[in-house]
C-alpha cells in the first residue's frame, strides 16, 4: 500500500515539476521577446537621434554657406543689365 501511495505522490510531484518548468519556459520566452522588442526600439531611437544630429549639422553648414555667399556675392553690373538700361 505504501509503495502505491509513494508512486502516486511521485507522479503528482513529477507532473507539478513539469508544469512549473513549462511555466518558467513560457515566462522566459515572454521576457526574451519583451527584451528583444525594447532593444529594437532603443536601436531605432538611437538611429533617429544620430540622423537628427547629422541633419542639424548639415542645416547649420548650409546656413553658413548661404550667409557667406550672400555677403561675398555682390552682383556687378552684368552686360544684360547694361543693355537694358541703355535702351
N, C-alpha and C. Protein backbone atom coordinates (compact mmCIF):
# COMPACT_ATOMS: atom_id res chain seq x y z
N UNK A 1 0.82 -1.19 0.00
CA UNK A 1 0.00 0.00 0.00
C UNK A 1 0.86 1.25 0.00
N UNK A 2 1.93 1.24 0.76
CA UNK A 2 2.76 2.43 0.85
C UNK A 2 3.50 2.68 -0.46
N UNK A 3 3.85 1.62 -1.20
CA UNK A 3 4.51 1.82 -2.48
C UNK A 3 3.55 2.45 -3.49
N UNK A 4 2.28 2.07 -3.42
CA UNK A 4 1.29 2.66 -4.32
C UNK A 4 1.12 4.15 -4.00
N UNK A 5 1.05 4.49 -2.76
CA UNK A 5 0.89 5.89 -2.36
C UNK A 5 2.15 6.68 -2.73
N UNK A 6 3.30 6.04 -2.53
CA UNK A 6 4.54 6.72 -2.87
C UNK A 6 4.64 6.97 -4.37
N UNK A 7 4.28 5.99 -5.20
CA UNK A 7 4.30 6.14 -6.65
C UNK A 7 3.32 7.23 -7.08
N UNK A 8 2.16 7.24 -6.46
CA UNK A 8 1.15 8.25 -6.76
C UNK A 8 1.69 9.65 -6.42
N UNK A 9 2.32 9.77 -5.28
CA UNK A 9 2.88 11.06 -4.87
C UNK A 9 4.01 11.48 -5.80
N UNK A 10 4.86 10.54 -6.22
CA UNK A 10 5.95 10.85 -7.13
C UNK A 10 5.43 11.30 -8.49
N UNK A 11 4.34 10.64 -8.94
CA UNK A 11 3.73 11.04 -10.22
C UNK A 11 3.17 12.46 -10.14
N UNK A 12 2.51 12.77 -9.04
CA UNK A 12 1.97 14.12 -8.85
C UNK A 12 3.11 15.14 -8.77
N UNK A 13 4.17 14.79 -8.05
CA UNK A 13 5.31 15.68 -7.92
C UNK A 13 5.95 15.92 -9.29
N UNK A 14 6.12 14.86 -10.07
CA UNK A 14 6.72 14.98 -11.40
C UNK A 14 5.83 15.84 -12.31
N UNK A 15 4.52 15.63 -12.22
CA UNK A 15 3.59 16.43 -13.02
C UNK A 15 3.67 17.90 -12.61
N UNK A 16 3.78 18.15 -11.31
CA UNK A 16 3.89 19.52 -10.81
C UNK A 16 5.19 20.16 -11.29
N UNK A 17 6.30 19.40 -11.22
CA UNK A 17 7.58 19.91 -11.71
C UNK A 17 7.50 20.24 -13.20
N UNK A 18 6.82 19.41 -13.96
CA UNK A 18 6.67 19.63 -15.39
C UNK A 18 5.90 20.93 -15.65
N UNK A 19 4.82 21.16 -14.88
CA UNK A 19 4.04 22.38 -15.03
C UNK A 19 4.87 23.61 -14.67
N UNK A 20 5.64 23.50 -13.59
CA UNK A 20 6.48 24.62 -13.16
C UNK A 20 7.53 24.92 -14.23
N UNK A 21 8.16 23.89 -14.76
CA UNK A 21 9.18 24.08 -15.80
C UNK A 21 8.57 24.70 -17.05
N UNK A 22 7.38 24.24 -17.43
CA UNK A 22 6.71 24.80 -18.60
C UNK A 22 6.36 26.27 -18.37
N UNK A 23 5.88 26.59 -17.20
CA UNK A 23 5.55 27.98 -16.87
C UNK A 23 6.81 28.84 -16.89
N UNK A 24 7.90 28.30 -16.35
CA UNK A 24 9.16 29.04 -16.35
C UNK A 24 9.65 29.27 -17.78
N UNK A 25 9.51 28.26 -18.63
CA UNK A 25 9.92 28.39 -20.02
C UNK A 25 9.09 29.46 -20.73
N UNK A 26 7.79 29.43 -20.50
CA UNK A 26 6.92 30.44 -21.11
C UNK A 26 7.25 31.84 -20.61
N UNK A 27 7.52 31.96 -19.33
CA UNK A 27 7.87 33.25 -18.75
C UNK A 27 9.18 33.76 -19.34
N UNK A 28 10.16 32.86 -19.47
CA UNK A 28 11.44 33.24 -20.06
C UNK A 28 11.27 33.69 -21.52
N UNK A 29 10.41 32.99 -22.25
CA UNK A 29 10.16 33.34 -23.64
C UNK A 29 9.51 34.71 -23.75
N UNK A 30 8.52 34.96 -22.90
CA UNK A 30 7.85 36.26 -22.90
C UNK A 30 8.84 37.36 -22.54
N UNK A 31 9.66 37.10 -21.54
CA UNK A 31 10.65 38.09 -21.11
C UNK A 31 11.68 38.34 -22.23
N UNK A 32 12.10 37.29 -22.91
CA UNK A 32 13.06 37.45 -24.00
C UNK A 32 12.45 38.26 -25.13
N UNK A 33 11.20 37.97 -25.48
CA UNK A 33 10.52 38.73 -26.54
C UNK A 33 10.41 40.20 -26.16
N UNK A 34 10.09 40.46 -24.91
CA UNK A 34 9.97 41.85 -24.45
C UNK A 34 11.32 42.56 -24.51
N UNK A 35 12.37 41.88 -24.08
CA UNK A 35 13.71 42.47 -24.12
C UNK A 35 14.16 42.72 -25.56
N UNK A 36 13.84 41.79 -26.46
CA UNK A 36 14.17 41.98 -27.87
C UNK A 36 13.45 43.20 -28.43
N UNK A 37 12.18 43.33 -28.07
CA UNK A 37 11.38 44.47 -28.53
C UNK A 37 11.96 45.79 -28.01
N UNK A 38 12.33 45.80 -26.74
CA UNK A 38 12.92 47.01 -26.14
C UNK A 38 14.25 47.34 -26.82
N UNK A 39 15.05 46.32 -27.11
CA UNK A 39 16.33 46.54 -27.78
C UNK A 39 16.12 47.10 -29.18
N UNK A 40 15.10 46.60 -29.86
CA UNK A 40 14.79 47.10 -31.21
C UNK A 40 14.36 48.57 -31.14
N UNK A 41 13.50 48.89 -30.19
CA UNK A 41 13.06 50.28 -30.04
C UNK A 41 14.23 51.19 -29.69
N UNK A 42 15.12 50.73 -28.84
CA UNK A 42 16.28 51.53 -28.46
C UNK A 42 17.18 51.78 -29.66
N UNK A 43 17.39 50.75 -30.46
CA UNK A 43 18.23 50.89 -31.65
C UNK A 43 17.60 51.89 -32.62
N UNK A 44 16.28 51.81 -32.78
CA UNK A 44 15.59 52.75 -33.66
C UNK A 44 15.72 54.18 -33.14
N UNK A 45 15.58 54.35 -31.83
CA UNK A 45 15.68 55.69 -31.23
C UNK A 45 17.08 56.25 -31.41
N UNK A 46 18.09 55.43 -31.16
CA UNK A 46 19.46 55.89 -31.32
C UNK A 46 19.77 56.23 -32.78
N UNK A 47 19.25 55.44 -33.70
CA UNK A 47 19.46 55.73 -35.12
C UNK A 47 18.78 57.05 -35.51
N UNK A 48 17.59 57.27 -34.99
CA UNK A 48 16.87 58.51 -35.29
C UNK A 48 17.62 59.71 -34.71
N UNK A 49 18.11 59.58 -33.49
CA UNK A 49 18.85 60.67 -32.87
C UNK A 49 20.11 60.99 -33.67
N UNK A 50 20.81 59.96 -34.14
CA UNK A 50 22.02 60.18 -34.94
C UNK A 50 21.67 60.87 -36.25
N UNK A 51 20.59 60.44 -36.88
CA UNK A 51 20.16 61.07 -38.12
C UNK A 51 19.77 62.52 -37.89
N UNK A 52 19.06 62.78 -36.80
CA UNK A 52 18.68 64.16 -36.47
C UNK A 52 19.90 65.04 -36.24
N UNK A 53 20.92 64.50 -35.57
CA UNK A 53 22.15 65.27 -35.36
C UNK A 53 22.84 65.58 -36.69
N UNK A 54 22.89 64.59 -37.59
CA UNK A 54 23.50 64.81 -38.90
C UNK A 54 22.74 65.87 -39.68
N UNK A 55 21.41 65.81 -39.64
CA UNK A 55 20.59 66.79 -40.34
C UNK A 55 20.84 68.18 -39.77
N UNK A 56 20.92 68.28 -38.45
CA UNK A 56 21.16 69.57 -37.80
C UNK A 56 22.51 70.14 -38.23
N UNK A 57 23.53 69.30 -38.30
CA UNK A 57 24.85 69.74 -38.74
C UNK A 57 24.79 70.24 -40.18
N UNK A 58 24.11 69.49 -41.05
CA UNK A 58 24.00 69.88 -42.45
C UNK A 58 23.23 71.19 -42.61
N UNK A 59 22.18 71.36 -41.83
CA UNK A 59 21.39 72.60 -41.91
C UNK A 59 22.24 73.79 -41.47
N UNK A 60 22.99 73.62 -40.38
CA UNK A 60 23.86 74.71 -39.91
C UNK A 60 24.91 75.04 -40.96
N UNK A 61 25.50 74.01 -41.56
CA UNK A 61 26.51 74.23 -42.59
C UNK A 61 25.89 74.94 -43.79
N UNK A 62 24.70 74.55 -44.16
CA UNK A 62 24.02 75.16 -45.29
C UNK A 62 23.71 76.64 -45.00
N UNK A 63 23.32 76.94 -43.77
CA UNK A 63 23.04 78.33 -43.41
C UNK A 63 24.32 79.16 -43.48
N UNK A 64 25.43 78.59 -43.02
CA UNK A 64 26.71 79.30 -43.08
C UNK A 64 27.09 79.57 -44.53
N UNK A 65 26.91 78.59 -45.38
CA UNK A 65 27.25 78.75 -46.80
C UNK A 65 26.40 79.85 -47.42
N UNK A 66 25.11 79.84 -47.16
CA UNK A 66 24.22 80.86 -47.70
C UNK A 66 24.61 82.24 -47.19
N UNK A 67 24.94 82.31 -45.92
CA UNK A 67 25.30 83.59 -45.31
C UNK A 67 26.58 84.13 -45.93
N UNK A 68 27.59 83.28 -46.09
CA UNK A 68 28.86 83.74 -46.65
C UNK A 68 28.71 84.07 -48.13
N UNK A 69 27.91 83.34 -48.87
CA UNK A 69 27.75 83.65 -50.30
C UNK A 69 26.97 84.94 -50.49
N UNK A 70 26.02 85.23 -49.63
CA UNK A 70 25.27 86.48 -49.73
C UNK A 70 26.17 87.67 -49.44
N UNK A 71 27.01 87.55 -48.44
CA UNK A 71 27.87 88.67 -48.08
C UNK A 71 28.99 88.86 -49.10
N UNK A 72 29.46 87.81 -49.72
CA UNK A 72 30.54 87.91 -50.70
C UNK A 72 30.04 88.32 -52.08
N UNK A 73 28.95 87.73 -52.47
CA UNK A 73 28.49 87.89 -53.85
C UNK A 73 27.64 89.14 -54.00
N UNK A 74 28.31 90.23 -54.36
CA UNK A 74 27.57 91.44 -54.70
C UNK A 74 27.61 91.49 -56.21
N UNK A 75 26.48 91.36 -56.83
CA UNK A 75 26.49 91.26 -58.29
C UNK A 75 26.99 92.56 -58.93
N UNK A 76 27.96 92.40 -59.78
CA UNK A 76 28.44 93.53 -60.57
C UNK A 76 27.47 93.75 -61.71
N UNK A 77 27.51 94.88 -62.29
CA UNK A 77 26.57 95.11 -63.37
C UNK A 77 26.92 94.18 -64.53
N UNK A 78 25.98 93.39 -64.90
CA UNK A 78 26.20 92.41 -65.94
C UNK A 78 25.92 93.06 -67.29
N UNK A 79 26.39 92.43 -68.33
CA UNK A 79 26.13 93.00 -69.68
C UNK A 79 24.63 93.08 -70.00
N UNK A 80 23.88 92.15 -69.46
CA UNK A 80 22.44 92.16 -69.72
C UNK A 80 21.79 93.38 -69.06
N UNK A 81 22.20 93.69 -67.85
CA UNK A 81 21.63 94.84 -67.14
C UNK A 81 22.03 96.13 -67.83
N UNK A 82 23.26 96.19 -68.30
CA UNK A 82 23.73 97.38 -69.01
C UNK A 82 22.97 97.57 -70.30
N UNK A 83 22.65 96.50 -70.99
CA UNK A 83 21.91 96.59 -72.25
C UNK A 83 20.50 97.07 -72.03
N UNK A 84 19.88 96.64 -70.93
CA UNK A 84 18.52 97.06 -70.64
C UNK A 84 18.46 98.55 -70.29
N UNK A 85 19.42 99.04 -69.56
CA UNK A 85 19.41 100.45 -69.14
C UNK A 85 19.75 101.37 -70.30
N UNK A 86 20.50 100.87 -71.30
CA UNK A 86 20.87 101.73 -72.43
C UNK A 86 19.72 101.90 -73.40
N UNK A 87 18.76 101.06 -73.40
CA UNK A 87 17.63 101.16 -74.34
C UNK A 87 16.67 102.19 -73.97
